[in-house]
Amino acid sequence: NYMALLGWSSGDDREIFSLDDLKQAFDITGVNKSNSKFDYEKCLWVNAEHIKAQSADELTATAATFVEAAGIDASDPRVTPAIELARERAQLLSDIPTVIAPVFQDAIEYDAEAKEKVASRDGIGEVLDALGKGLDSVSNWQGDDIKAGIKSAADSLEMKLGAFMLPCRVAATGSTSGADLIPMLELMGKEKVLARIAGFAQSIG
């Protein structure tokens, strides 16, 4: 797609084409005479748009090689919903395993800066303890109930929900950034999330 646009224009400012679209739209009169400049960032953007346009099944299939190479079983039923969470964050198919890895890893490595950012907060031990108890009380491990569990933890300390989201993200995923947290927690499963929160609390003393 992007390579075609380096020396040709459809005349209607379109930038995203399927191969069939390109075949139908191409006309020699649209080829320009000026030298083209390859813009890597623009190429990444175009690729990201193609990733967003794929159906869930198509994206799972095209990403399978990269997922397997990262040690994730592509046949795991959690892979497709996890990839859906990565869709908006991936510019390349090779980005997807990094985004979804926290769901499938038995153990995670904490980003040092992320860990310090959370560990340095006043009262973080109390926050993590309340977070663990709030999530342990969730009997139906799905999105709304998980969020309610985090809110109950915040309420127990008379704090806002937002104050609990970053500690929860870092404890569960090892990073301050990533895909939407609540769906990620749902895919991880209750046991893994609780173990990670407890392990993180222990690691920061």
N, C-alpha and C. Protein backbone atom coordinates (compact mmCIF):
# COMPACT_ATOMS: atom_id res chain seq x y z
N ASN A 1 0.83 -1.19 0.00
CA ASN A 1 0.00 0.00 0.00
C ASN A 1 0.87 1.25 0.00
N TYR A 2 1.72 1.39 1.03
CA TYR A 2 2.52 2.61 1.14
C TYR A 2 3.51 2.75 -0.01
N MET A 3 4.11 1.66 -0.44
CA MET A 3 5.07 1.73 -1.54
C MET A 3 4.41 2.26 -2.81
N ALA A 4 3.16 1.88 -3.04
CA ALA A 4 2.45 2.36 -4.23
C ALA A 4 2.26 3.87 -4.17
N LEU A 5 2.05 4.39 -2.98
CA LEU A 5 1.79 5.82 -2.82
C LEU A 5 3.04 6.68 -2.94
N LEU A 6 4.22 6.05 -2.95
CA LEU A 6 5.44 6.83 -3.08
C LEU A 6 5.57 7.49 -4.46
N GLY A 7 5.01 6.88 -5.46
CA GLY A 7 5.16 7.46 -6.79
C GLY A 7 3.85 7.60 -7.54
N TRP A 8 2.75 7.43 -6.83
CA TRP A 8 1.45 7.46 -7.50
C TRP A 8 0.38 8.00 -6.56
N SER A 9 -0.62 8.65 -7.13
CA SER A 9 -1.74 9.15 -6.35
C SER A 9 -3.04 8.77 -7.04
N SER A 10 -4.01 8.41 -6.25
CA SER A 10 -5.31 8.04 -6.82
C SER A 10 -6.11 9.26 -7.25
N GLY A 11 -5.67 10.44 -6.79
CA GLY A 11 -6.37 11.66 -7.15
C GLY A 11 -7.50 12.03 -6.21
N ASP A 12 -7.77 11.17 -5.21
CA ASP A 12 -8.86 11.48 -4.28
C ASP A 12 -8.39 11.48 -2.82
N ASP A 13 -7.08 11.60 -2.63
CA ASP A 13 -6.48 11.69 -1.29
C ASP A 13 -6.62 10.42 -0.45
N ARG A 14 -7.04 9.33 -1.05
CA ARG A 14 -7.09 8.07 -0.31
C ARG A 14 -5.67 7.60 0.01
N GLU A 15 -5.50 7.03 1.21
CA GLU A 15 -4.18 6.55 1.61
C GLU A 15 -4.18 5.06 1.99
N ILE A 16 -5.34 4.49 2.21
CA ILE A 16 -5.43 3.09 2.61
C ILE A 16 -6.15 2.31 1.52
N PHE A 17 -5.44 1.31 0.98
CA PHE A 17 -5.99 0.49 -0.10
C PHE A 17 -5.73 -0.99 0.19
N SER A 18 -6.67 -1.83 -0.19
CA SER A 18 -6.36 -3.26 -0.25
C SER A 18 -5.67 -3.49 -1.59
N LEU A 19 -5.11 -4.67 -1.78
CA LEU A 19 -4.44 -4.97 -3.05
C LEU A 19 -5.43 -4.89 -4.21
N ASP A 20 -6.64 -5.39 -4.01
CA ASP A 20 -7.66 -5.31 -5.06
C ASP A 20 -8.04 -3.86 -5.35
N ASP A 21 -8.14 -3.05 -4.29
CA ASP A 21 -8.44 -1.63 -4.48
C ASP A 21 -7.38 -0.97 -5.34
N LEU A 22 -6.11 -1.28 -5.05
CA LEU A 22 -5.02 -0.69 -5.81
C LEU A 22 -5.08 -1.09 -7.28
N LYS A 23 -5.37 -2.36 -7.53
CA LYS A 23 -5.46 -2.84 -8.91
C LYS A 23 -6.54 -2.09 -9.69
N GLN A 24 -7.67 -1.84 -9.01
CA GLN A 24 -8.78 -1.17 -9.68
C GLN A 24 -8.54 0.32 -9.84
N ALA A 25 -7.87 0.92 -8.84
CA ALA A 25 -7.71 2.38 -8.85
C ALA A 25 -6.51 2.85 -9.67
N PHE A 26 -5.52 1.99 -9.87
CA PHE A 26 -4.29 2.44 -10.51
C PHE A 26 -4.54 2.90 -11.95
N ASP A 27 -3.95 4.03 -12.23
CA ASP A 27 -3.96 4.58 -13.59
C ASP A 27 -2.62 5.26 -13.81
N ILE A 28 -2.01 5.00 -14.93
CA ILE A 28 -0.67 5.52 -15.21
C ILE A 28 -0.61 7.03 -15.13
N THR A 29 -1.74 7.70 -15.38
CA THR A 29 -1.75 9.17 -15.33
C THR A 29 -1.54 9.69 -13.90
N GLY A 30 -1.71 8.81 -12.92
CA GLY A 30 -1.52 9.23 -11.53
C GLY A 30 -0.09 9.15 -11.06
N VAL A 31 0.80 8.60 -11.90
CA VAL A 31 2.21 8.50 -11.54
C VAL A 31 2.86 9.86 -11.67
N ASN A 32 3.58 10.29 -10.63
CA ASN A 32 4.21 11.61 -10.67
C ASN A 32 5.68 11.51 -11.04
N LYS A 33 6.24 12.62 -11.47
CA LYS A 33 7.61 12.66 -11.97
C LYS A 33 8.62 13.02 -10.89
N SER A 34 8.17 13.58 -9.79
CA SER A 34 9.10 14.03 -8.75
C SER A 34 9.66 12.85 -7.97
N ASN A 35 10.84 13.06 -7.36
CA ASN A 35 11.46 12.01 -6.56
C ASN A 35 10.63 11.75 -5.29
N SER A 36 10.56 10.51 -4.92
CA SER A 36 9.80 10.15 -3.73
C SER A 36 10.73 10.02 -2.53
N LYS A 37 10.19 10.28 -1.34
CA LYS A 37 10.95 10.14 -0.10
C LYS A 37 10.23 9.15 0.80
N PHE A 38 10.94 8.10 1.19
CA PHE A 38 10.34 7.09 2.06
C PHE A 38 10.23 7.63 3.48
N ASP A 39 9.03 7.64 4.03
CA ASP A 39 8.76 8.12 5.37
C ASP A 39 8.39 6.91 6.24
N TYR A 40 9.33 6.48 7.09
CA TYR A 40 9.11 5.27 7.87
C TYR A 40 7.92 5.42 8.81
N GLU A 41 7.77 6.59 9.43
CA GLU A 41 6.66 6.79 10.35
C GLU A 41 5.32 6.70 9.61
N LYS A 42 5.28 7.23 8.40
CA LYS A 42 4.05 7.14 7.61
C LYS A 42 3.78 5.68 7.23
N CYS A 43 4.83 4.95 6.93
CA CYS A 43 4.68 3.53 6.60
C CYS A 43 4.10 2.76 7.79
N LEU A 44 4.58 3.07 9.00
CA LEU A 44 4.05 2.44 10.21
C LEU A 44 2.57 2.77 10.39
N TRP A 45 2.21 4.01 10.14
CA TRP A 45 0.81 4.43 10.27
C TRP A 45 -0.08 3.64 9.30
N VAL A 46 0.37 3.52 8.06
CA VAL A 46 -0.39 2.77 7.06
C VAL A 46 -0.55 1.32 7.50
N ASN A 47 0.53 0.74 8.00
CA ASN A 47 0.47 -0.65 8.44
C ASN A 47 -0.51 -0.81 9.62
N ALA A 48 -0.49 0.16 10.53
CA ALA A 48 -1.40 0.12 11.68
C ALA A 48 -2.85 0.19 11.22
N GLU A 49 -3.11 0.98 10.20
CA GLU A 49 -4.48 1.09 9.67
C GLU A 49 -4.94 -0.24 9.07
N HIS A 50 -4.04 -0.96 8.43
CA HIS A 50 -4.38 -2.28 7.89
C HIS A 50 -4.66 -3.28 9.02
N ILE A 51 -3.89 -3.17 10.11
CA ILE A 51 -4.12 -4.04 11.27
C ILE A 51 -5.51 -3.78 11.85
N LYS A 52 -5.86 -2.51 11.97
CA LYS A 52 -7.17 -2.15 12.53
C LYS A 52 -8.31 -2.63 11.65
N ALA A 53 -8.08 -2.71 10.35
CA ALA A 53 -9.15 -3.06 9.41
C ALA A 53 -9.42 -4.56 9.35
N GLN A 54 -8.50 -5.38 9.84
CA GLN A 54 -8.70 -6.83 9.76
C GLN A 54 -9.75 -7.30 10.76
N SER A 55 -10.46 -8.35 10.39
CA SER A 55 -11.40 -8.96 11.32
C SER A 55 -10.61 -9.65 12.43
N ALA A 56 -11.29 -10.01 13.52
CA ALA A 56 -10.63 -10.68 14.64
C ALA A 56 -9.95 -11.97 14.19
N ASP A 57 -10.63 -12.75 13.38
CA ASP A 57 -10.06 -14.02 12.92
C ASP A 57 -8.87 -13.80 11.99
N GLU A 58 -9.00 -12.80 11.10
CA GLU A 58 -7.90 -12.50 10.18
C GLU A 58 -6.66 -12.05 10.94
N LEU A 59 -6.86 -11.17 11.91
CA LEU A 59 -5.72 -10.65 12.67
C LEU A 59 -5.07 -11.75 13.50
N THR A 60 -5.87 -12.62 14.07
CA THR A 60 -5.32 -13.75 14.84
C THR A 60 -4.46 -14.63 13.94
N ALA A 61 -4.95 -14.87 12.73
CA ALA A 61 -4.21 -15.73 11.79
C ALA A 61 -2.92 -15.07 11.32
N THR A 62 -2.98 -13.79 10.99
CA THR A 62 -1.78 -13.11 10.47
C THR A 62 -0.75 -12.88 11.57
N ALA A 63 -1.20 -12.78 12.81
CA ALA A 63 -0.27 -12.55 13.92
C ALA A 63 0.26 -13.85 14.51
N ALA A 64 -0.29 -14.98 14.09
CA ALA A 64 0.02 -16.27 14.72
C ALA A 64 1.51 -16.58 14.75
N THR A 65 2.22 -16.31 13.66
CA THR A 65 3.64 -16.61 13.60
C THR A 65 4.41 -15.84 14.67
N PHE A 66 4.05 -14.58 14.85
CA PHE A 66 4.74 -13.74 15.83
C PHE A 66 4.36 -14.16 17.25
N VAL A 67 3.11 -14.53 17.44
CA VAL A 67 2.63 -14.98 18.74
C VAL A 67 3.34 -16.27 19.16
N GLU A 68 3.42 -17.21 18.23
CA GLU A 68 4.10 -18.48 18.52
C GLU A 68 5.58 -18.26 18.79
N ALA A 69 6.20 -17.36 18.04
CA ALA A 69 7.63 -17.09 18.22
C ALA A 69 7.92 -16.52 19.61
N ALA A 70 6.91 -15.88 20.20
CA ALA A 70 7.06 -15.31 21.54
C ALA A 70 6.75 -16.34 22.63
N GLY A 71 6.48 -17.58 22.23
CA GLY A 71 6.22 -18.63 23.19
C GLY A 71 4.79 -18.71 23.67
N ILE A 72 3.88 -18.07 22.93
CA ILE A 72 2.47 -18.10 23.27
C ILE A 72 1.76 -19.07 22.34
N ASP A 73 0.98 -19.96 22.89
CA ASP A 73 0.25 -20.94 22.10
C ASP A 73 -0.88 -20.24 21.35
N ALA A 74 -0.77 -20.13 20.04
CA ALA A 74 -1.76 -19.40 19.24
C ALA A 74 -3.14 -20.05 19.27
N SER A 75 -3.22 -21.30 19.70
CA SER A 75 -4.51 -21.98 19.78
C SER A 75 -5.23 -21.72 21.11
N ASP A 76 -4.56 -21.05 22.03
CA ASP A 76 -5.18 -20.71 23.31
C ASP A 76 -6.40 -19.82 23.04
N PRO A 77 -7.57 -20.16 23.56
CA PRO A 77 -8.77 -19.37 23.27
C PRO A 77 -8.70 -17.92 23.74
N ARG A 78 -7.74 -17.61 24.59
CA ARG A 78 -7.60 -16.22 25.05
C ARG A 78 -6.83 -15.36 24.05
N VAL A 79 -6.20 -15.99 23.06
CA VAL A 79 -5.35 -15.23 22.14
C VAL A 79 -6.16 -14.23 21.32
N THR A 80 -7.27 -14.66 20.74
CA THR A 80 -8.06 -13.74 19.90
C THR A 80 -8.56 -12.54 20.69
N PRO A 81 -9.20 -12.71 21.87
CA PRO A 81 -9.61 -11.52 22.61
C PRO A 81 -8.43 -10.67 23.08
N ALA A 82 -7.29 -11.30 23.36
CA ALA A 82 -6.11 -10.53 23.76
C ALA A 82 -5.60 -9.69 22.59
N ILE A 83 -5.58 -10.28 21.41
CA ILE A 83 -5.14 -9.54 20.23
C ILE A 83 -6.07 -8.38 19.93
N GLU A 84 -7.36 -8.57 20.20
CA GLU A 84 -8.30 -7.47 20.03
C GLU A 84 -7.91 -6.28 20.90
N LEU A 85 -7.40 -6.55 22.10
CA LEU A 85 -6.96 -5.47 22.99
C LEU A 85 -5.70 -4.80 22.46
N ALA A 86 -4.90 -5.55 21.70
CA ALA A 86 -3.65 -5.01 21.17
C ALA A 86 -3.84 -4.26 19.87
N ARG A 87 -4.98 -4.46 19.24
CA ARG A 87 -5.23 -3.92 17.89
C ARG A 87 -4.93 -2.42 17.78
N GLU A 88 -5.40 -1.64 18.73
CA GLU A 88 -5.23 -0.18 18.67
C GLU A 88 -3.82 0.27 19.03
N ARG A 89 -3.01 -0.63 19.57
CA ARG A 89 -1.68 -0.26 20.03
C ARG A 89 -0.56 -0.80 19.14
N ALA A 90 -0.92 -1.63 18.19
CA ALA A 90 0.10 -2.28 17.35
C ALA A 90 0.24 -1.59 16.00
N GLN A 91 1.45 -1.19 15.67
CA GLN A 91 1.73 -0.68 14.33
C GLN A 91 2.27 -1.78 13.44
N LEU A 92 2.87 -2.78 14.07
CA LEU A 92 3.41 -3.93 13.36
C LEU A 92 2.87 -5.19 14.02
N LEU A 93 2.76 -6.26 13.27
CA LEU A 93 2.33 -7.53 13.85
C LEU A 93 3.29 -7.97 14.95
N SER A 94 4.56 -7.62 14.81
CA SER A 94 5.55 -7.99 15.81
C SER A 94 5.37 -7.24 17.13
N ASP A 95 4.55 -6.19 17.14
CA ASP A 95 4.25 -5.47 18.39
C ASP A 95 3.27 -6.24 19.26
N ILE A 96 2.44 -7.07 18.64
CA ILE A 96 1.33 -7.70 19.35
C ILE A 96 1.76 -8.59 20.52
N PRO A 97 2.77 -9.47 20.35
CA PRO A 97 3.14 -10.32 21.48
C PRO A 97 3.54 -9.54 22.73
N THR A 98 4.21 -8.41 22.57
CA THR A 98 4.62 -7.62 23.71
C THR A 98 3.42 -7.08 24.47
N VAL A 99 2.40 -6.65 23.72
CA VAL A 99 1.20 -6.10 24.35
C VAL A 99 0.43 -7.16 25.12
N ILE A 100 0.34 -8.35 24.55
CA ILE A 100 -0.51 -9.39 25.16
C ILE A 100 0.25 -10.32 26.11
N ALA A 101 1.57 -10.21 26.14
CA ALA A 101 2.39 -11.14 26.95
C ALA A 101 1.96 -11.26 28.41
N PRO A 102 1.59 -10.16 29.10
CA PRO A 102 1.22 -10.31 30.51
C PRO A 102 0.08 -11.29 30.76
N VAL A 103 -0.77 -11.49 29.78
CA VAL A 103 -1.88 -12.43 29.94
C VAL A 103 -1.36 -13.87 30.03
N PHE A 104 -0.31 -14.17 29.30
CA PHE A 104 0.13 -15.56 29.11
C PHE A 104 1.37 -15.94 29.90
N GLN A 105 2.15 -14.98 30.33
CA GLN A 105 3.38 -15.29 31.05
C GLN A 105 3.07 -15.82 32.44
N ASP A 106 3.86 -16.78 32.88
CA ASP A 106 3.73 -17.28 34.25
C ASP A 106 4.30 -16.26 35.23
N ALA A 107 5.37 -15.61 34.83
CA ALA A 107 6.00 -14.59 35.66
C ALA A 107 6.30 -13.37 34.79
N ILE A 108 6.29 -12.22 35.41
CA ILE A 108 6.57 -11.00 34.66
C ILE A 108 7.76 -10.27 35.25
N GLU A 109 8.42 -9.49 34.41
CA GLU A 109 9.50 -8.63 34.86
C GLU A 109 8.95 -7.22 34.99
N TYR A 110 9.25 -6.58 36.10
CA TYR A 110 8.76 -5.23 36.31
C TYR A 110 9.71 -4.21 35.73
N ASP A 111 9.14 -3.29 34.96
CA ASP A 111 9.92 -2.16 34.49
C ASP A 111 10.40 -1.38 35.72
N ALA A 112 11.70 -1.14 35.80
CA ALA A 112 12.27 -0.53 37.01
C ALA A 112 11.66 0.83 37.31
N GLU A 113 11.48 1.64 36.29
CA GLU A 113 10.91 2.98 36.49
C GLU A 113 9.46 2.89 36.95
N ALA A 114 8.70 1.95 36.34
CA ALA A 114 7.29 1.77 36.71
C ALA A 114 7.20 1.31 38.16
N LYS A 115 8.05 0.37 38.54
CA LYS A 115 8.04 -0.16 39.90
C LYS A 115 8.35 0.92 40.91
N GLU A 116 9.35 1.72 40.62
CA GLU A 116 9.73 2.80 41.53
C GLU A 116 8.63 3.85 41.64
N LYS A 117 7.96 4.13 40.53
CA LYS A 117 6.90 5.13 40.52
C LYS A 117 5.78 4.74 41.47
N VAL A 118 5.46 3.46 41.51
CA VAL A 118 4.39 2.98 42.39
C VAL A 118 4.92 2.77 43.81
N ALA A 119 6.09 2.18 43.93
CA ALA A 119 6.65 1.85 45.26
C ALA A 119 6.90 3.09 46.10
N SER A 120 7.17 4.22 45.45
CA SER A 120 7.50 5.45 46.18
C SER A 120 6.27 6.18 46.71
N ARG A 121 5.08 5.71 46.37
CA ARG A 121 3.86 6.37 46.84
C ARG A 121 3.66 6.12 48.34
N ASP A 122 3.20 7.16 49.02
CA ASP A 122 2.88 7.01 50.44
C ASP A 122 1.73 6.02 50.61
N GLY A 123 1.86 5.13 51.55
CA GLY A 123 0.78 4.20 51.86
C GLY A 123 0.54 3.14 50.82
N ILE A 124 1.54 2.85 49.97
CA ILE A 124 1.31 1.90 48.88
C ILE A 124 1.05 0.49 49.41
N GLY A 125 1.66 0.15 50.53
CA GLY A 125 1.41 -1.18 51.09
C GLY A 125 -0.06 -1.36 51.45
N GLU A 126 -0.65 -0.33 52.03
CA GLU A 126 -2.06 -0.37 52.40
C GLU A 126 -2.94 -0.44 51.16
N VAL A 127 -2.55 0.29 50.13
CA VAL A 127 -3.30 0.29 48.86
C VAL A 127 -3.29 -1.10 48.23
N LEU A 128 -2.12 -1.72 48.17
CA LEU A 128 -2.01 -3.06 47.57
C LEU A 128 -2.77 -4.11 48.38
N ASP A 129 -2.74 -3.97 49.70
CA ASP A 129 -3.47 -4.90 50.55
C ASP A 129 -4.98 -4.78 50.29
N ALA A 130 -5.46 -3.54 50.21
CA ALA A 130 -6.89 -3.31 49.95
C ALA A 130 -7.26 -3.78 48.56
N LEU A 131 -6.36 -3.56 47.61
CA LEU A 131 -6.60 -3.99 46.23
C LEU A 131 -6.74 -5.50 46.16
N GLY A 132 -5.86 -6.20 46.82
CA GLY A 132 -5.93 -7.65 46.83
C GLY A 132 -7.24 -8.14 47.44
N LYS A 133 -7.64 -7.54 48.56
CA LYS A 133 -8.88 -7.94 49.21
C LYS A 133 -10.09 -7.62 48.35
N GLY A 134 -10.08 -6.44 47.70
CA GLY A 134 -11.20 -6.05 46.85
C GLY A 134 -11.38 -7.00 45.68
N LEU A 135 -10.27 -7.39 45.06
CA LEU A 135 -10.36 -8.29 43.92
C LEU A 135 -10.63 -9.73 44.35
N ASP A 136 -10.17 -10.10 45.52
CA ASP A 136 -10.44 -11.44 46.03
C ASP A 136 -11.94 -11.63 46.29
N SER A 137 -12.63 -10.52 46.56
CA SER A 137 -14.07 -10.60 46.84
C SER A 137 -14.92 -10.75 45.58
N VAL A 138 -14.30 -10.62 44.41
CA VAL A 138 -15.04 -10.71 43.14
C VAL A 138 -15.34 -12.19 42.85
N SER A 139 -16.61 -12.52 42.82
CA SER A 139 -16.99 -13.92 42.56
C SER A 139 -17.20 -14.20 41.08
N ASN A 140 -17.64 -13.21 40.34
CA ASN A 140 -17.86 -13.35 38.90
C ASN A 140 -16.78 -12.56 38.18
N TRP A 141 -15.71 -13.24 37.75
CA TRP A 141 -14.52 -12.57 37.23
C TRP A 141 -14.75 -12.08 35.80
N GLN A 142 -15.45 -10.96 35.70
CA GLN A 142 -15.66 -10.32 34.40
C GLN A 142 -15.60 -8.80 34.60
N GLY A 143 -15.47 -8.10 33.48
CA GLY A 143 -15.13 -6.69 33.47
C GLY A 143 -15.77 -5.80 34.53
N ASP A 144 -17.08 -5.68 34.52
CA ASP A 144 -17.76 -4.76 35.43
C ASP A 144 -17.54 -5.14 36.88
N ASP A 145 -17.54 -6.44 37.17
CA ASP A 145 -17.36 -6.89 38.55
C ASP A 145 -15.91 -6.69 39.01
N ILE A 146 -14.97 -6.85 38.09
CA ILE A 146 -13.57 -6.59 38.43
C ILE A 146 -13.38 -5.12 38.78
N LYS A 147 -13.95 -4.26 37.96
CA LYS A 147 -13.86 -2.82 38.23
C LYS A 147 -14.52 -2.48 39.55
N ALA A 148 -15.66 -3.12 39.83
CA ALA A 148 -16.35 -2.89 41.11
C ALA A 148 -15.48 -3.34 42.28
N GLY A 149 -14.73 -4.43 42.10
CA GLY A 149 -13.83 -4.90 43.14
C GLY A 149 -12.72 -3.89 43.43
N ILE A 150 -12.20 -3.28 42.38
CA ILE A 150 -11.16 -2.25 42.57
C ILE A 150 -11.77 -1.03 43.25
N LYS A 151 -12.99 -0.67 42.86
CA LYS A 151 -13.66 0.48 43.47
C LYS A 151 -13.94 0.23 44.95
N SER A 152 -14.32 -0.99 45.29
CA SER A 152 -14.58 -1.30 46.70
C SER A 152 -13.30 -1.16 47.51
N ALA A 153 -12.16 -1.52 46.89
CA ALA A 153 -10.87 -1.35 47.56
C ALA A 153 -10.58 0.13 47.79
N ALA A 154 -10.84 0.94 46.78
CA ALA A 154 -10.62 2.38 46.91
C ALA A 154 -11.55 2.97 47.97
N ASP A 155 -12.81 2.55 47.95
CA ASP A 155 -13.78 3.05 48.93
C ASP A 155 -13.36 2.70 50.35
N SER A 156 -12.76 1.53 50.51
CA SER A 156 -12.37 1.09 51.86
C SER A 156 -11.32 2.00 52.47
N LEU A 157 -10.58 2.70 51.62
CA LEU A 157 -9.56 3.64 52.10
C LEU A 157 -9.98 5.08 51.85
N GLU A 158 -11.23 5.25 51.46
CA GLU A 158 -11.77 6.58 51.15
C GLU A 158 -10.90 7.31 50.13
N MET A 159 -10.54 6.55 49.06
CA MET A 159 -9.74 7.10 47.98
C MET A 159 -10.50 6.96 46.67
N LYS A 160 -10.02 7.67 45.66
CA LYS A 160 -10.66 7.60 44.35
C LYS A 160 -10.18 6.36 43.59
N LEU A 161 -11.04 5.86 42.70
CA LEU A 161 -10.72 4.68 41.90
C LEU A 161 -9.41 4.86 41.14
N GLY A 162 -9.19 6.04 40.58
CA GLY A 162 -8.00 6.29 39.78
C GLY A 162 -6.69 6.06 40.52
N ALA A 163 -6.71 6.26 41.83
CA ALA A 163 -5.50 6.08 42.62
C ALA A 163 -5.09 4.61 42.70
N PHE A 164 -6.01 3.71 42.36
CA PHE A 164 -5.74 2.28 42.44
C PHE A 164 -5.39 1.67 41.08
N MET A 165 -5.69 2.39 40.02
CA MET A 165 -5.53 1.79 38.70
C MET A 165 -4.06 1.60 38.31
N LEU A 166 -3.22 2.60 38.58
CA LEU A 166 -1.80 2.46 38.22
C LEU A 166 -1.11 1.37 39.05
N PRO A 167 -1.29 1.36 40.39
CA PRO A 167 -0.69 0.25 41.14
C PRO A 167 -1.17 -1.12 40.66
N CYS A 168 -2.44 -1.21 40.31
CA CYS A 168 -2.97 -2.48 39.81
C CYS A 168 -2.33 -2.84 38.48
N ARG A 169 -2.19 -1.87 37.59
CA ARG A 169 -1.58 -2.14 36.28
C ARG A 169 -0.13 -2.59 36.42
N VAL A 170 0.63 -1.86 37.22
CA VAL A 170 2.05 -2.21 37.37
C VAL A 170 2.20 -3.57 38.03
N ALA A 171 1.40 -3.83 39.07
CA ALA A 171 1.50 -5.12 39.77
C ALA A 171 1.12 -6.28 38.85
N ALA A 172 0.11 -6.08 38.02
CA ALA A 172 -0.39 -7.18 37.19
C ALA A 172 0.34 -7.33 35.87
N THR A 173 0.87 -6.22 35.31
CA THR A 173 1.48 -6.29 33.98
C THR A 173 2.96 -5.93 33.96
N GLY A 174 3.45 -5.27 35.02
CA GLY A 174 4.86 -4.90 35.07
C GLY A 174 5.18 -3.57 34.44
N SER A 175 4.16 -2.88 33.92
CA SER A 175 4.39 -1.64 33.18
C SER A 175 3.33 -0.61 33.52
N THR A 176 3.64 0.65 33.22
CA THR A 176 2.65 1.73 33.42
C THR A 176 1.76 1.90 32.19
N SER A 177 2.07 1.20 31.12
CA SER A 177 1.29 1.35 29.89
C SER A 177 0.91 -0.02 29.35
N GLY A 178 0.00 0.00 28.40
CA GLY A 178 -0.43 -1.25 27.79
C GLY A 178 -1.87 -1.18 27.35
N ALA A 179 -2.45 -2.33 27.06
CA ALA A 179 -3.84 -2.38 26.62
C ALA A 179 -4.77 -2.06 27.78
N ASP A 180 -6.06 -1.90 27.49
CA ASP A 180 -7.04 -1.59 28.52
C ASP A 180 -6.90 -2.56 29.69
N LEU A 181 -6.81 -2.02 30.88
CA LEU A 181 -6.45 -2.84 32.04
C LEU A 181 -7.52 -3.85 32.44
N ILE A 182 -8.76 -3.42 32.57
CA ILE A 182 -9.79 -4.32 33.08
C ILE A 182 -9.96 -5.56 32.19
N PRO A 183 -10.06 -5.41 30.86
CA PRO A 183 -10.13 -6.62 30.02
C PRO A 183 -8.88 -7.50 30.13
N MET A 184 -7.73 -6.87 30.33
CA MET A 184 -6.50 -7.65 30.51
C MET A 184 -6.58 -8.47 31.79
N LEU A 185 -7.07 -7.86 32.86
CA LEU A 185 -7.21 -8.59 34.12
C LEU A 185 -8.17 -9.75 33.97
N GLU A 186 -9.25 -9.52 33.22
CA GLU A 186 -10.23 -10.58 32.99
C GLU A 186 -9.59 -11.78 32.30
N LEU A 187 -8.78 -11.50 31.28
CA LEU A 187 -8.13 -12.58 30.54
C LEU A 187 -7.06 -13.28 31.37
N MET A 188 -6.39 -12.56 32.23
CA MET A 188 -5.36 -13.17 33.08
C MET A 188 -5.96 -14.20 34.03
N GLY A 189 -7.15 -13.90 34.53
CA GLY A 189 -7.77 -14.78 35.51
C GLY A 189 -7.49 -14.31 36.92
N LYS A 190 -8.42 -14.58 37.79
CA LYS A 190 -8.36 -14.09 39.17
C LYS A 190 -7.13 -14.58 39.91
N GLU A 191 -6.83 -15.86 39.81
CA GLU A 191 -5.70 -16.43 40.56
C GLU A 191 -4.39 -15.76 40.21
N LYS A 192 -4.16 -15.55 38.90
CA LYS A 192 -2.91 -14.93 38.46
C LYS A 192 -2.82 -13.49 38.91
N VAL A 193 -3.92 -12.75 38.80
CA VAL A 193 -3.92 -11.34 39.20
C VAL A 193 -3.64 -11.20 40.70
N LEU A 194 -4.30 -11.99 41.52
CA LEU A 194 -4.09 -11.92 42.97
C LEU A 194 -2.65 -12.29 43.33
N ALA A 195 -2.11 -13.30 42.66
CA ALA A 195 -0.74 -13.72 42.93
C ALA A 195 0.25 -12.61 42.57
N ARG A 196 -0.02 -11.92 41.48
CA ARG A 196 0.89 -10.85 41.06
C ARG A 196 0.82 -9.65 42.00
N ILE A 197 -0.37 -9.32 42.46
CA ILE A 197 -0.50 -8.20 43.40
C ILE A 197 0.23 -8.54 44.70
N ALA A 198 0.05 -9.76 45.18
CA ALA A 198 0.75 -10.19 46.41
C ALA A 198 2.25 -10.22 46.20
N GLY A 199 2.70 -10.71 45.05
CA GLY A 199 4.12 -10.78 44.76
C GLY A 199 4.75 -9.41 44.63
N PHE A 200 4.00 -8.50 44.02
CA PHE A 200 4.51 -7.13 43.87
C PHE A 200 4.64 -6.47 45.23
N ALA A 201 3.62 -6.63 46.07
CA ALA A 201 3.65 -6.05 47.41
C ALA A 201 4.86 -6.57 48.19
N GLN A 202 5.12 -7.86 48.06
CA GLN A 202 6.26 -8.46 48.76
C GLN A 202 7.58 -7.91 48.22
N SER A 203 7.64 -7.69 46.90
CA SER A 203 8.89 -7.25 46.28
C SER A 203 9.28 -5.84 46.67
N ILE A 204 8.30 -5.03 47.07
CA ILE A 204 8.64 -3.65 47.44
C ILE A 204 8.66 -3.48 48.97
N GLY A 205 8.47 -4.60 49.66
CA GLY A 205 8.60 -4.60 51.12
C GLY A 205 7.46 -3.89 51.81
